Structures are given as C-alpha cells and as structure tokens.
Amino acid sequence: MSIKELKMWMGDNKFELGVLSLVFGVLLTVLAFFGGPREETPDFLLPMVETVSQPTQWYLYFWLFGPLLFILGCWYAYDTYKKRKKFEELMAHTGRAKFFTNLVEIEELAWALKRKDRIRLAEKKAGFKKK
C-alpha cells in the first residue's frame, strides 16, 4: 500500500478512526484508573517496562495517552459529523443558482469526506451543466 492510498483510506474512514480512537482512549483511561501502581506488572507490558527505568510507573502512560486519544477521537468524530451534516444540507438544494453559489464550500466538504461524496458531487455538477 502506497502513502497516497493510505491517505485516501484514512480520509475515507476518518469518522470510524475517530470512534476507534475514542474507544481506545476510554479503555486506556479505565485501565489507568483501575490499574494503578502495583508491585507486579502485567505480562503484556513487560517489553515496555524493560525499556523504561521505572517498572512500577507503567500506568502513567495510560493516564497520558488515554485522555489524549479520547479527546482526539471525540474531535475527529464530531468534526466529521458536522461536515457530513453541512454537506448533506448543501447537496439537498435543487436550485442551480444556490448550488453554484455554494460550490466552493461544497467541494471543500466533499474533499474532507469520503470518495463517494466527491463522485456524488461530480454527478450533480454534470447534471446541472446538461440543463
């Protein structure tokens, strides 16, 4: 998979990645809250603990990355939802003048959303140009 294909895939799945990030953020925060400092480190964290000089402080990473992932996930999901709602509202206009007045904004939203939205926009533009 090339970098361009990866960017396209990530752009097409921004909402899903945001929700996934949100879920992992909550999971890490819960693990940090209930995992607290213990004498014994879980087996799955042993490779990380060996690279860190303080083996009993592994939960601090969860405290750091858990809320960060949660906030980023919320932001991505909300931003994508807001853009989707605005795009659908602008695409619902049936008037040619209103559509072409907002064309720049519609194109920006289409490029921020999924590939199918760019195709839908191209079809609607072609339909208006035929008339």
N, C-alpha and C. Protein backbone atom coordinates (compact mmCIF):
# COMPACT_ATOMS: atom_id res chain seq x y z
N MET A 1 0.85 -1.17 0.00
CA MET A 1 0.00 0.00 0.00
C MET A 1 0.90 1.24 0.00
N SER A 2 0.66 2.13 -0.91
CA SER A 2 1.47 3.34 -1.01
C SER A 2 0.96 4.40 -0.02
N ILE A 3 1.74 5.45 0.13
CA ILE A 3 1.38 6.54 1.04
C ILE A 3 0.09 7.21 0.57
N LYS A 4 -0.04 7.39 -0.74
CA LYS A 4 -1.23 8.03 -1.28
C LYS A 4 -2.48 7.20 -0.99
N GLU A 5 -2.39 5.89 -1.18
CA GLU A 5 -3.52 5.01 -0.89
C GLU A 5 -3.86 5.03 0.60
N LEU A 6 -2.83 5.07 1.44
CA LEU A 6 -3.06 5.13 2.88
C LEU A 6 -3.76 6.43 3.28
N LYS A 7 -3.34 7.54 2.68
CA LYS A 7 -4.00 8.83 2.95
C LYS A 7 -5.46 8.80 2.50
N MET A 8 -5.71 8.23 1.33
CA MET A 8 -7.08 8.14 0.84
C MET A 8 -7.92 7.26 1.75
N TRP A 9 -7.36 6.14 2.20
CA TRP A 9 -8.09 5.25 3.09
C TRP A 9 -8.39 5.94 4.42
N MET A 10 -7.41 6.64 4.96
CA MET A 10 -7.61 7.35 6.23
C MET A 10 -8.63 8.47 6.07
N GLY A 11 -8.60 9.15 4.93
CA GLY A 11 -9.59 10.19 4.67
C GLY A 11 -10.98 9.63 4.54
N ASP A 12 -11.10 8.48 3.91
CA ASP A 12 -12.41 7.85 3.75
C ASP A 12 -12.96 7.28 5.05
N ASN A 13 -12.09 6.98 5.99
CA ASN A 13 -12.51 6.35 7.25
C ASN A 13 -12.22 7.22 8.46
N LYS A 14 -12.27 8.53 8.29
CA LYS A 14 -11.95 9.44 9.38
C LYS A 14 -12.92 9.28 10.55
N PHE A 15 -14.19 9.16 10.28
CA PHE A 15 -15.17 9.01 11.36
C PHE A 15 -14.94 7.71 12.13
N GLU A 16 -14.73 6.62 11.40
CA GLU A 16 -14.51 5.33 12.04
C GLU A 16 -13.23 5.34 12.86
N LEU A 17 -12.17 5.98 12.34
CA LEU A 17 -10.93 6.09 13.10
C LEU A 17 -11.11 6.94 14.35
N GLY A 18 -11.94 7.96 14.24
CA GLY A 18 -12.23 8.79 15.41
C GLY A 18 -12.94 8.01 16.49
N VAL A 19 -13.93 7.22 16.10
CA VAL A 19 -14.67 6.41 17.07
C VAL A 19 -13.75 5.35 17.68
N LEU A 20 -12.90 4.73 16.87
CA LEU A 20 -11.95 3.74 17.37
C LEU A 20 -10.98 4.38 18.36
N SER A 21 -10.49 5.55 18.04
CA SER A 21 -9.60 6.28 18.94
C SER A 21 -10.31 6.62 20.24
N LEU A 22 -11.56 7.02 20.14
CA LEU A 22 -12.36 7.35 21.32
C LEU A 22 -12.49 6.12 22.23
N VAL A 23 -12.78 4.97 21.65
CA VAL A 23 -12.94 3.74 22.43
C VAL A 23 -11.63 3.34 23.09
N PHE A 24 -10.51 3.39 22.35
CA PHE A 24 -9.22 3.06 22.95
C PHE A 24 -8.84 4.05 24.04
N GLY A 25 -9.19 5.31 23.85
CA GLY A 25 -8.92 6.31 24.87
C GLY A 25 -9.65 6.01 26.17
N VAL A 26 -10.92 5.64 26.05
CA VAL A 26 -11.69 5.28 27.24
C VAL A 26 -11.10 4.03 27.89
N LEU A 27 -10.74 3.04 27.07
CA LEU A 27 -10.17 1.81 27.60
C LEU A 27 -8.87 2.08 28.35
N LEU A 28 -7.98 2.87 27.77
CA LEU A 28 -6.71 3.17 28.43
C LEU A 28 -6.92 3.97 29.72
N THR A 29 -7.86 4.89 29.69
CA THR A 29 -8.14 5.67 30.89
C THR A 29 -8.70 4.78 32.00
N VAL A 30 -9.60 3.87 31.65
CA VAL A 30 -10.15 2.94 32.65
C VAL A 30 -9.06 2.03 33.19
N LEU A 31 -8.19 1.54 32.30
CA LEU A 31 -7.07 0.71 32.77
C LEU A 31 -6.15 1.49 33.69
N ALA A 32 -5.91 2.74 33.38
CA ALA A 32 -5.06 3.56 34.24
C ALA A 32 -5.73 3.80 35.59
N PHE A 33 -7.03 4.03 35.57
CA PHE A 33 -7.75 4.31 36.81
C PHE A 33 -7.79 3.10 37.73
N PHE A 34 -8.10 1.93 37.15
CA PHE A 34 -8.21 0.73 37.97
C PHE A 34 -6.90 -0.05 38.04
N GLY A 35 -5.96 0.24 37.14
CA GLY A 35 -4.71 -0.50 37.13
C GLY A 35 -3.71 0.01 38.15
N GLY A 36 -3.76 1.30 38.47
CA GLY A 36 -2.92 1.94 39.48
C GLY A 36 -1.55 1.34 39.70
N PRO A 37 -0.80 1.87 40.61
CA PRO A 37 0.53 1.33 40.89
C PRO A 37 0.44 0.00 41.63
N ARG A 38 1.10 -0.99 41.10
CA ARG A 38 1.13 -2.32 41.72
C ARG A 38 2.56 -2.80 41.72
N GLU A 39 2.78 -3.78 42.51
CA GLU A 39 4.12 -4.36 42.58
C GLU A 39 4.42 -5.21 41.34
N GLU A 40 3.37 -5.82 40.80
CA GLU A 40 3.56 -6.74 39.68
C GLU A 40 3.04 -6.12 38.39
N THR A 41 3.83 -6.17 37.35
CA THR A 41 3.46 -5.62 36.07
C THR A 41 2.81 -6.72 35.22
N PRO A 42 1.72 -6.40 34.49
CA PRO A 42 1.11 -7.41 33.61
C PRO A 42 2.10 -7.91 32.55
N ASP A 43 1.92 -9.14 32.14
CA ASP A 43 2.85 -9.76 31.19
C ASP A 43 2.92 -9.03 29.86
N PHE A 44 1.77 -8.52 29.38
CA PHE A 44 1.78 -7.89 28.07
C PHE A 44 2.52 -6.55 28.08
N LEU A 45 2.81 -6.01 29.25
CA LEU A 45 3.54 -4.74 29.34
C LEU A 45 5.03 -4.94 29.64
N LEU A 46 5.47 -6.18 29.83
CA LEU A 46 6.87 -6.41 30.18
C LEU A 46 7.87 -5.85 29.16
N PRO A 47 7.64 -5.99 27.84
CA PRO A 47 8.60 -5.39 26.91
C PRO A 47 8.72 -3.87 27.07
N MET A 48 7.62 -3.22 27.33
CA MET A 48 7.67 -1.77 27.52
C MET A 48 8.36 -1.42 28.83
N VAL A 49 8.11 -2.21 29.86
CA VAL A 49 8.69 -1.95 31.17
C VAL A 49 10.21 -2.10 31.13
N GLU A 50 10.69 -3.04 30.34
CA GLU A 50 12.13 -3.24 30.25
C GLU A 50 12.83 -2.05 29.63
N THR A 51 12.13 -1.31 28.79
CA THR A 51 12.75 -0.13 28.16
C THR A 51 12.64 1.11 29.05
N VAL A 52 11.79 1.06 30.04
CA VAL A 52 11.60 2.20 30.95
C VAL A 52 12.34 1.90 32.25
N SER A 53 12.94 2.92 32.81
CA SER A 53 13.76 2.70 34.00
C SER A 53 12.94 2.47 35.27
N GLN A 54 11.69 2.92 35.30
CA GLN A 54 10.86 2.76 36.50
C GLN A 54 9.73 1.77 36.20
N PRO A 55 9.92 0.50 36.51
CA PRO A 55 8.94 -0.51 36.10
C PRO A 55 7.56 -0.40 36.75
N THR A 56 7.42 0.28 37.88
CA THR A 56 6.10 0.36 38.51
C THR A 56 5.29 1.55 38.03
N GLN A 57 5.82 2.34 37.11
CA GLN A 57 5.13 3.55 36.65
C GLN A 57 4.47 3.39 35.29
N TRP A 58 4.21 2.15 34.86
CA TRP A 58 3.63 1.92 33.53
C TRP A 58 2.26 2.54 33.37
N TYR A 59 1.48 2.62 34.42
CA TYR A 59 0.12 3.15 34.34
C TYR A 59 0.09 4.63 33.99
N LEU A 60 1.20 5.34 34.23
CA LEU A 60 1.26 6.76 33.89
C LEU A 60 1.14 6.98 32.38
N TYR A 61 1.64 6.03 31.59
CA TYR A 61 1.48 6.13 30.14
C TYR A 61 0.01 6.04 29.75
N PHE A 62 -0.73 5.19 30.44
CA PHE A 62 -2.16 5.10 30.18
C PHE A 62 -2.87 6.39 30.56
N TRP A 63 -2.46 7.00 31.64
CA TRP A 63 -3.05 8.28 32.05
C TRP A 63 -2.77 9.36 31.01
N LEU A 64 -1.60 9.30 30.41
CA LEU A 64 -1.24 10.30 29.40
C LEU A 64 -1.95 10.04 28.07
N PHE A 65 -1.86 8.83 27.56
CA PHE A 65 -2.38 8.54 26.22
C PHE A 65 -3.88 8.27 26.20
N GLY A 66 -4.46 7.81 27.28
CA GLY A 66 -5.89 7.53 27.33
C GLY A 66 -6.74 8.77 27.08
N PRO A 67 -6.60 9.82 27.90
CA PRO A 67 -7.39 11.03 27.66
C PRO A 67 -7.04 11.71 26.34
N LEU A 68 -5.78 11.63 25.93
CA LEU A 68 -5.38 12.23 24.66
C LEU A 68 -6.10 11.56 23.49
N LEU A 69 -6.11 10.24 23.47
CA LEU A 69 -6.83 9.51 22.43
C LEU A 69 -8.33 9.77 22.49
N PHE A 70 -8.87 9.89 23.69
CA PHE A 70 -10.29 10.17 23.86
C PHE A 70 -10.64 11.54 23.27
N ILE A 71 -9.85 12.55 23.58
CA ILE A 71 -10.11 13.89 23.07
C ILE A 71 -9.97 13.94 21.55
N LEU A 72 -8.91 13.34 21.01
CA LEU A 72 -8.74 13.30 19.55
C LEU A 72 -9.87 12.54 18.88
N GLY A 73 -10.28 11.44 19.45
CA GLY A 73 -11.38 10.66 18.88
C GLY A 73 -12.68 11.44 18.87
N CYS A 74 -12.96 12.13 19.97
CA CYS A 74 -14.18 12.96 20.03
C CYS A 74 -14.13 14.05 18.97
N TRP A 75 -12.97 14.68 18.84
CA TRP A 75 -12.83 15.78 17.88
C TRP A 75 -13.01 15.28 16.45
N TYR A 76 -12.36 14.18 16.09
CA TYR A 76 -12.49 13.64 14.73
C TYR A 76 -13.93 13.23 14.43
N ALA A 77 -14.55 12.53 15.36
CA ALA A 77 -15.92 12.07 15.13
C ALA A 77 -16.88 13.26 15.01
N TYR A 78 -16.74 14.24 15.89
CA TYR A 78 -17.64 15.40 15.84
C TYR A 78 -17.39 16.23 14.59
N ASP A 79 -16.13 16.43 14.24
CA ASP A 79 -15.80 17.22 13.05
C ASP A 79 -16.35 16.56 11.78
N THR A 80 -16.20 15.27 11.68
CA THR A 80 -16.70 14.56 10.50
C THR A 80 -18.23 14.59 10.47
N TYR A 81 -18.86 14.43 11.62
CA TYR A 81 -20.32 14.50 11.69
C TYR A 81 -20.82 15.88 11.26
N LYS A 82 -20.16 16.92 11.74
CA LYS A 82 -20.55 18.29 11.40
C LYS A 82 -20.39 18.56 9.91
N LYS A 83 -19.28 18.09 9.32
CA LYS A 83 -19.06 18.27 7.88
C LYS A 83 -20.07 17.48 7.06
N ARG A 84 -20.38 16.28 7.50
CA ARG A 84 -21.36 15.44 6.80
C ARG A 84 -22.73 16.13 6.79
N LYS A 85 -23.13 16.66 7.93
CA LYS A 85 -24.43 17.32 8.05
C LYS A 85 -24.49 18.55 7.13
N LYS A 86 -23.44 19.35 7.11
CA LYS A 86 -23.40 20.55 6.26
C LYS A 86 -23.40 20.16 4.78
N PHE A 87 -22.64 19.12 4.43
CA PHE A 87 -22.58 18.65 3.05
C PHE A 87 -23.95 18.19 2.57
N GLU A 88 -24.62 17.40 3.39
CA GLU A 88 -25.95 16.90 3.01
C GLU A 88 -26.94 18.06 2.87
N GLU A 89 -26.82 19.05 3.73
CA GLU A 89 -27.70 20.22 3.66
C GLU A 89 -27.48 21.00 2.36
N LEU A 90 -26.23 21.18 1.98
CA LEU A 90 -25.94 21.93 0.76
C LEU A 90 -26.26 21.12 -0.50
N MET A 91 -26.11 19.82 -0.45
CA MET A 91 -26.41 18.99 -1.61
C MET A 91 -27.93 18.83 -1.80
N ALA A 92 -28.71 19.09 -0.76
CA ALA A 92 -30.16 18.94 -0.86
C ALA A 92 -30.81 20.06 -1.67
N HIS A 93 -30.11 21.16 -1.89
CA HIS A 93 -30.68 22.27 -2.67
C HIS A 93 -30.86 21.83 -4.12
N THR A 94 -32.03 22.13 -4.65
CA THR A 94 -32.32 21.73 -6.02
C THR A 94 -32.12 22.88 -7.01
N GLY A 95 -31.97 24.07 -6.50
CA GLY A 95 -31.78 25.22 -7.39
C GLY A 95 -30.36 25.33 -7.90
N ARG A 96 -30.24 25.62 -9.18
CA ARG A 96 -28.93 25.73 -9.81
C ARG A 96 -28.13 26.90 -9.25
N ALA A 97 -28.77 28.06 -9.09
CA ALA A 97 -28.06 29.25 -8.60
C ALA A 97 -27.54 29.03 -7.18
N LYS A 98 -28.36 28.47 -6.32
CA LYS A 98 -27.95 28.21 -4.94
C LYS A 98 -26.80 27.21 -4.89
N PHE A 99 -26.88 26.19 -5.75
CA PHE A 99 -25.83 25.17 -5.79
C PHE A 99 -24.50 25.78 -6.22
N PHE A 100 -24.49 26.54 -7.31
CA PHE A 100 -23.24 27.10 -7.80
C PHE A 100 -22.72 28.24 -6.93
N THR A 101 -23.59 28.89 -6.17
CA THR A 101 -23.14 29.90 -5.21
C THR A 101 -22.32 29.25 -4.10
N ASN A 102 -22.73 28.08 -3.67
CA ASN A 102 -22.05 27.37 -2.58
C ASN A 102 -21.08 26.30 -3.07
N LEU A 103 -20.74 26.33 -4.34
CA LEU A 103 -19.94 25.25 -4.92
C LEU A 103 -18.57 25.11 -4.27
N VAL A 104 -17.92 26.21 -3.96
CA VAL A 104 -16.58 26.12 -3.35
C VAL A 104 -16.66 25.43 -2.00
N GLU A 105 -17.63 25.82 -1.20
CA GLU A 105 -17.80 25.19 0.11
C GLU A 105 -18.17 23.71 -0.02
N ILE A 106 -19.03 23.40 -0.97
CA ILE A 106 -19.43 22.00 -1.19
C ILE A 106 -18.23 21.16 -1.60
N GLU A 107 -17.38 21.70 -2.49
CA GLU A 107 -16.20 20.96 -2.92
C GLU A 107 -15.23 20.74 -1.77
N GLU A 108 -15.04 21.75 -0.93
CA GLU A 108 -14.15 21.58 0.24
C GLU A 108 -14.68 20.50 1.18
N LEU A 109 -15.98 20.51 1.40
CA LEU A 109 -16.58 19.49 2.26
C LEU A 109 -16.47 18.10 1.63
N ALA A 110 -16.66 18.02 0.32
CA ALA A 110 -16.57 16.72 -0.36
C ALA A 110 -15.17 16.15 -0.25
N TRP A 111 -14.15 17.00 -0.36
CA TRP A 111 -12.77 16.51 -0.25
C TRP A 111 -12.43 16.13 1.19
N ALA A 112 -13.12 16.70 2.16
CA ALA A 112 -12.88 16.35 3.56
C ALA A 112 -13.62 15.07 3.96
N LEU A 113 -14.59 14.67 3.14
CA LEU A 113 -15.38 13.48 3.46
C LEU A 113 -14.94 12.31 2.59
N LYS A 114 -15.83 11.39 2.34
CA LYS A 114 -15.47 10.16 1.62
C LYS A 114 -15.43 10.35 0.10
N ARG A 115 -14.82 9.41 -0.56
CA ARG A 115 -14.67 9.42 -2.01
C ARG A 115 -16.03 9.37 -2.71
N LYS A 116 -16.97 8.65 -2.14
CA LYS A 116 -18.31 8.55 -2.75
C LYS A 116 -19.00 9.91 -2.78
N ASP A 117 -18.65 10.80 -1.84
CA ASP A 117 -19.24 12.14 -1.83
C ASP A 117 -18.67 12.99 -2.97
N ARG A 118 -17.40 12.79 -3.28
CA ARG A 118 -16.81 13.51 -4.42
C ARG A 118 -17.43 13.05 -5.73
N ILE A 119 -17.71 11.75 -5.82
CA ILE A 119 -18.37 11.21 -7.02
C ILE A 119 -19.79 11.76 -7.12
N ARG A 120 -20.48 11.80 -6.01
CA ARG A 120 -21.85 12.34 -5.98
C ARG A 120 -21.88 13.80 -6.40
N LEU A 121 -20.90 14.57 -5.93
CA LEU A 121 -20.80 15.98 -6.30
C LEU A 121 -20.55 16.13 -7.80
N ALA A 122 -19.66 15.32 -8.34
CA ALA A 122 -19.36 15.39 -9.77
C ALA A 122 -20.60 15.06 -10.60
N GLU A 123 -21.37 14.09 -10.16
CA GLU A 123 -22.59 13.74 -10.88
C GLU A 123 -23.62 14.86 -10.83
N LYS A 124 -23.72 15.52 -9.68
CA LYS A 124 -24.69 16.61 -9.57
C LYS A 124 -24.24 17.79 -10.41
N LYS A 125 -22.95 18.08 -10.42
CA LYS A 125 -22.44 19.19 -11.27
C LYS A 125 -22.70 18.89 -12.74
N ALA A 126 -22.47 17.64 -13.14
CA ALA A 126 -22.69 17.26 -14.53
C ALA A 126 -24.18 17.37 -14.87
N GLY A 127 -25.05 17.03 -13.94
CA GLY A 127 -26.49 17.12 -14.17
C GLY A 127 -26.94 18.56 -14.35
N PHE A 128 -26.36 19.48 -13.60
CA PHE A 128 -26.72 20.90 -13.75
C PHE A 128 -26.16 21.49 -15.04
N LYS A 129 -25.01 21.01 -15.48
CA LYS A 129 -24.40 21.56 -16.70
C LYS A 129 -25.12 21.08 -17.95
N LYS A 130 -25.81 19.95 -17.88
CA LYS A 130 -26.56 19.44 -19.05
C LYS A 130 -27.80 20.29 -19.33
N LYS A 131 -28.37 20.86 -18.27
CA LYS A 131 -29.62 21.61 -18.44
C LYS A 131 -29.41 22.91 -19.17
